[in-house]
Amino acid sequence: MVASVAVLSDVHGVLPALEAVLAEPDVRAAERIVLTGDIAAGPLPVETLDLLVSRGERVVWVRGNADRELVAVARGATSAIDVSDWAGRQLRPDHVELLDGLPHPVTLDVDGFGPVLFCHGTPRDDDEVVLVDSSLARWAEVLSVVPGDVRTVVCGHTHMPFQRLVDRRLVVNPGSVGMPYGRPGPHWALLSDGVVTLRRTAIDPDELGDAVVAASAYPEARAWADEYARTVHSDAEALRVFAPRAGHPAMPE
């Protein structure tokens, strides 16, 4: 039984954001740090993976769709996403082996919660999209593979933090560490004493962008930082983009 868990999702190779979250007292005190996928696909992939590996067995890794994509790129494929195409080609063989072996989903017994299932998209598919306002029928479909004794599911993928009940089962999304939607600063979650707390670490967006540009060898690091570090996209905008993939009607502009 694990006493407490800090959940970090969608780091996307943004090392300065990750470092800020790992420095949080509640993250430092957590017994486990669970990464719910899309860990390294971004401007500082090697440095991000090396830092997390250095934390040893405290870190529990869960595969995301972008992690699979980096492995494919490292083995000769190409990605339509420029930063992922670049990031995959930076990985050492040990990184490729690590990402290729990541499980999905992962279940941990957490004090106050019982078995908690951690996934990326949904428990059955790391690239499947489900949203906070998805219907109960849609949620029932994507949670149909979850054992009945699992009453808490933690997912990532959409970069938008929320927690909601789905027919007496708690579903949590911690949001994104590296590419948050809605409000600036890395988002994460803490599971402790039977309570979920959605958290956000305060970072000046311009300082974060400067740190990424200074540290990254990605040729388009400055443009990437302008788009994803200095600019925080609206959650409403993100919901419009994700709605068709979640089986929702298209949302008006």
Protein backbone atom coordinates (compact mmCIF):
# COMPACT_ATOMS: atom_id res chain seq x y z
CA MET A 1 0.00 0.00 0.00
CA VAL A 2 1.38 3.39 -1.05
CA ALA A 3 0.81 6.25 1.38
CA SER A 4 0.72 9.14 -1.12
CA VAL A 5 1.14 9.72 -4.85
CA ALA A 6 2.06 12.79 -6.85
CA VAL A 7 0.76 12.46 -10.41
CA LEU A 8 2.64 14.22 -13.20
CA SER A 9 1.24 13.91 -16.71
CA ASP A 10 2.23 15.17 -20.14
CA VAL A 11 5.64 16.56 -19.22
CA HIS A 12 6.50 16.71 -22.93
CA GLY A 13 10.20 17.21 -22.39
CA VAL A 14 9.81 20.60 -20.69
CA LEU A 15 12.60 20.16 -18.18
CA PRO A 16 12.30 23.52 -16.35
CA ALA A 17 8.60 22.89 -15.65
CA LEU A 18 9.38 19.38 -14.42
CA GLU A 19 12.16 20.64 -12.15
CA ALA A 20 9.79 23.18 -10.60
CA VAL A 21 7.19 20.51 -9.85
CA LEU A 22 9.73 18.07 -8.43
CA ALA A 23 10.88 20.82 -6.06
CA GLU A 24 7.39 21.19 -4.57
CA PRO A 25 7.39 20.03 -0.91
CA ASP A 26 4.38 17.75 -1.41
CA VAL A 27 5.99 16.12 -4.44
CA ARG A 28 9.26 15.65 -2.57
CA ALA A 29 7.33 14.06 0.30
CA ALA A 30 5.16 11.77 -1.84
CA GLU A 31 6.00 8.08 -1.61
CA ARG A 32 5.53 7.61 -5.36
CA ILE A 33 5.61 9.89 -8.40
CA VAL A 34 3.40 8.49 -11.15
CA LEU A 35 3.98 9.69 -14.71
CA THR A 36 0.83 9.21 -16.75
CA GLY A 37 2.45 9.32 -20.19
CA ASP A 38 3.80 11.68 -22.87
CA ILE A 39 6.99 12.18 -20.93
CA ALA A 40 9.73 13.23 -23.34
CA ALA A 41 8.20 14.41 -26.62
CA GLY A 42 9.36 18.01 -26.45
CA PRO A 43 12.36 20.34 -26.50
CA LEU A 44 14.47 18.62 -23.80
CA PRO A 45 13.81 14.88 -24.15
CA VAL A 46 17.14 13.44 -23.04
CA GLU A 47 17.50 15.69 -20.02
CA THR A 48 13.92 15.00 -18.94
CA LEU A 49 14.33 11.23 -19.09
CA ASP A 50 17.69 11.31 -17.33
CA LEU A 51 16.31 13.38 -14.47
CA LEU A 52 13.34 11.07 -13.96
CA VAL A 53 15.47 7.92 -14.17
CA SER A 54 17.72 9.39 -11.47
CA ARG A 55 14.76 9.34 -9.07
CA GLY A 56 14.84 5.57 -9.09
CA GLU A 57 11.99 3.37 -7.89
CA ARG A 58 9.98 6.31 -6.52
CA VAL A 59 8.93 6.97 -10.11
CA VAL A 60 6.19 4.82 -11.66
CA TRP A 61 6.08 5.10 -15.45
CA VAL A 62 2.95 4.77 -17.59
CA ARG A 63 3.07 4.78 -21.40
CA GLY A 64 1.53 7.57 -23.44
CA ASN A 65 0.90 7.74 -27.17
CA ALA A 66 3.78 10.19 -27.65
CA ASP A 67 6.15 7.78 -25.90
CA ARG A 68 5.29 5.12 -28.49
CA GLU A 69 5.82 7.68 -31.23
CA LEU A 70 9.31 8.58 -29.98
CA VAL A 71 10.29 4.91 -30.02
CA ALA A 72 9.06 4.60 -33.60
CA VAL A 73 11.02 7.70 -34.66
CA ALA A 74 14.16 6.44 -32.94
CA ARG A 75 13.83 3.26 -35.00
CA GLY A 76 13.51 5.07 -38.32
CA ALA A 77 9.93 6.28 -38.64
CA THR A 78 8.93 9.92 -39.01
CA SER A 79 6.44 12.00 -37.05
CA ALA A 80 4.13 14.67 -38.39
CA ILE A 81 4.89 16.66 -35.23
CA ASP A 82 8.23 18.39 -35.76
CA VAL A 83 9.36 18.45 -32.13
CA SER A 84 8.55 14.75 -31.74
CA ASP A 85 10.43 13.93 -34.92
CA TRP A 86 13.46 15.78 -33.57
CA ALA A 87 13.12 14.42 -30.01
CA GLY A 88 12.93 10.81 -31.11
CA ARG A 89 16.22 11.16 -32.95
CA GLN A 90 17.97 12.45 -29.81
CA LEU A 91 17.29 9.38 -27.68
CA ARG A 92 20.04 7.00 -26.61
CA PRO A 93 19.44 3.24 -26.85
CA ASP A 94 18.70 3.06 -23.12
CA HIS A 95 15.99 5.69 -23.51
CA VAL A 96 14.42 3.78 -26.40
CA GLU A 97 14.46 0.57 -24.39
CA LEU A 98 12.90 2.33 -21.40
CA LEU A 99 10.07 3.92 -23.37
CA ASP A 100 9.43 0.77 -25.40
CA GLY A 101 8.91 -1.22 -22.21
CA LEU A 102 6.47 1.12 -20.48
CA PRO A 103 3.20 -0.47 -19.34
CA HIS A 104 -0.31 0.85 -19.87
CA PRO A 105 -2.31 1.02 -17.66
CA VAL A 106 -0.77 0.63 -14.18
CA THR A 107 -2.65 -0.05 -10.95
CA LEU A 108 -1.34 0.84 -7.48
CA ASP A 109 -2.92 0.36 -4.07
CA VAL A 110 -3.04 3.81 -2.49
CA ASP A 111 -3.91 4.41 1.14
CA GLY A 112 -7.42 5.88 1.41
CA PHE A 113 -8.31 4.92 -2.17
CA GLY A 114 -7.67 1.20 -2.58
CA PRO A 115 -6.61 0.16 -6.09
CA VAL A 116 -6.10 3.19 -8.34
CA LEU A 117 -5.75 2.75 -12.10
CA PHE A 118 -3.35 5.14 -13.85
CA CYS A 119 -3.55 5.50 -17.63
CA HIS A 120 -2.89 8.02 -20.38
CA GLY A 121 -5.88 8.40 -22.69
CA THR A 122 -8.29 5.86 -21.23
CA PRO A 123 -7.74 2.51 -19.49
CA ARG A 124 -8.16 0.67 -22.78
CA ASP A 125 -6.26 2.95 -25.20
CA ASP A 126 -3.44 5.43 -24.59
CA ASP A 127 -4.62 7.67 -27.47
CA GLU A 128 -8.36 7.66 -26.79
CA VAL A 129 -9.94 11.00 -25.88
CA VAL A 130 -12.55 11.48 -23.17
CA LEU A 131 -13.43 14.83 -21.64
CA VAL A 132 -14.81 16.15 -18.38
CA ASP A 133 -18.16 16.80 -20.04
CA SER A 134 -18.36 13.48 -21.88
CA SER A 135 -21.65 11.69 -21.32
CA LEU A 136 -22.11 8.95 -18.75
CA ALA A 137 -22.65 6.54 -21.63
CA ARG A 138 -19.30 7.50 -23.15
CA TRP A 139 -17.56 7.18 -19.79
CA ALA A 140 -19.21 3.79 -19.19
CA GLU A 141 -17.85 2.63 -22.55
CA VAL A 142 -14.24 3.67 -21.93
CA LEU A 143 -14.26 2.40 -18.34
CA SER A 144 -15.83 -0.93 -19.27
CA VAL A 145 -12.45 -2.70 -18.97
CA VAL A 146 -11.79 -1.46 -15.42
CA PRO A 147 -12.22 -4.06 -12.64
CA GLY A 148 -15.12 -3.37 -10.31
CA ASP A 149 -12.93 -2.94 -7.24
CA VAL A 150 -11.10 0.01 -8.86
CA ARG A 151 -13.02 3.08 -7.78
CA THR A 152 -10.47 5.73 -8.83
CA VAL A 153 -9.07 6.23 -12.34
CA VAL A 154 -6.37 8.79 -13.14
CA CYS A 155 -5.78 9.70 -16.78
CA GLY A 156 -3.89 12.31 -18.82
CA HIS A 157 -3.62 13.09 -22.55
CA THR A 158 -5.92 16.13 -22.86
CA HIS A 159 -3.80 18.52 -20.73
CA MET A 160 -6.87 19.82 -18.87
CA PRO A 161 -7.20 19.21 -15.11
CA PHE A 162 -10.46 17.95 -13.67
CA GLN A 163 -12.03 15.51 -11.26
CA ARG A 164 -15.57 14.18 -11.53
CA LEU A 165 -17.72 11.28 -10.46
CA VAL A 166 -18.81 8.70 -13.01
CA ASP A 167 -21.47 6.50 -11.45
CA ARG A 168 -19.73 6.56 -8.04
CA ARG A 169 -16.27 6.10 -9.56
CA LEU A 170 -13.84 9.03 -9.25
CA VAL A 171 -12.03 10.07 -12.45
CA VAL A 172 -9.11 12.49 -12.24
CA ASN A 173 -6.98 14.27 -14.82
CA PRO A 174 -4.03 16.17 -13.31
CA GLY A 175 -3.54 18.36 -16.38
CA SER A 176 -0.16 18.84 -18.04
CA VAL A 177 3.22 19.67 -16.54
CA GLY A 178 4.79 20.84 -19.79
CA MET A 179 1.94 22.11 -21.98
CA PRO A 180 -0.97 23.17 -19.76
CA TYR A 181 -4.29 24.42 -21.07
CA GLY A 182 -6.40 26.95 -19.20
CA ARG A 183 -4.02 28.56 -16.70
CA PRO A 184 -0.25 29.13 -16.77
CA GLY A 185 2.12 26.94 -14.80
CA PRO A 186 2.65 23.19 -14.57
CA HIS A 187 -0.41 21.26 -13.38
CA TRP A 188 -0.24 18.07 -11.31
CA ALA A 189 -2.26 16.19 -8.70
CA LEU A 190 -1.73 14.79 -5.22
CA LEU A 191 -3.47 11.68 -3.87
CA SER A 192 -3.09 11.57 -0.09
CA ASP A 193 -5.27 10.56 2.88
CA GLY A 194 -8.13 9.61 0.58
CA VAL A 195 -8.29 13.09 -0.97
CA VAL A 196 -7.38 14.25 -4.49
CA THR A 197 -5.96 17.76 -4.77
CA LEU A 198 -5.43 19.37 -8.14
CA ARG A 199 -2.32 21.53 -7.92
CA ARG A 200 -0.53 24.13 -10.00
CA THR A 201 3.07 25.34 -9.64
CA ALA A 202 3.64 29.05 -10.15
CA ILE A 203 6.11 29.82 -12.94
CA ASP A 204 6.37 33.02 -14.94
CA PRO A 205 5.61 32.00 -18.55
CA ASP A 206 8.31 34.25 -20.00
CA GLU A 207 10.92 32.90 -17.60
CA LEU A 208 9.88 29.37 -18.51
CA GLY A 209 10.19 30.18 -22.20
CA ASP A 210 13.62 31.71 -21.69
CA ALA A 211 14.76 28.62 -19.75
CA VAL A 212 13.62 26.29 -22.52
CA VAL A 213 15.38 28.30 -25.21
CA ALA A 214 18.59 28.50 -23.18
CA ALA A 215 18.75 24.76 -22.50
CA SER A 216 17.35 23.14 -25.65
CA ALA A 217 19.26 22.17 -28.80
CA TYR A 218 16.00 21.89 -30.75
CA PRO A 219 16.43 24.18 -33.79
CA GLU A 220 12.91 25.57 -33.40
CA ALA A 221 13.11 25.95 -29.61
CA ARG A 222 12.34 29.66 -29.65
CA ALA A 223 9.20 29.23 -31.74
CA TRP A 224 8.16 26.26 -29.61
CA ALA A 225 8.63 28.28 -26.42
CA ASP A 226 6.61 31.19 -27.83
CA GLU A 227 3.76 28.84 -28.71
CA TYR A 228 3.66 26.54 -25.69
CA ALA A 229 5.55 28.15 -22.80
CA ARG A 230 4.90 31.86 -23.12
CA THR A 231 1.38 31.29 -24.45
CA VAL A 232 -1.21 29.29 -22.51
CA HIS A 233 -4.01 28.10 -24.74
CA SER A 234 -7.57 28.37 -23.50
CA ASP A 235 -9.31 25.29 -22.17
CA ALA A 236 -12.32 26.29 -24.27
CA GLU A 237 -10.14 26.25 -27.39
CA ALA A 238 -8.74 22.85 -26.43
CA LEU A 239 -12.22 21.43 -25.85
CA ARG A 240 -13.28 22.56 -29.32
CA VAL A 241 -10.28 20.76 -30.83
CA PHE A 242 -10.76 17.56 -28.83
CA ALA A 243 -14.58 17.39 -29.08
CA PRO A 244 -14.75 15.44 -32.38
CA ARG A 245 -12.17 12.90 -31.14
CA ALA A 246 -14.22 12.40 -27.98
CA GLY A 247 -17.35 11.67 -30.01
CA HIS A 248 -18.93 15.04 -29.19
CA PRO A 249 -20.70 17.29 -31.68
CA ALA A 250 -18.45 20.03 -33.05
CA MET A 251 -18.46 23.02 -30.70
CA PRO A 252 -19.15 26.52 -32.05
CA GLU A 253 -16.21 28.91 -32.35
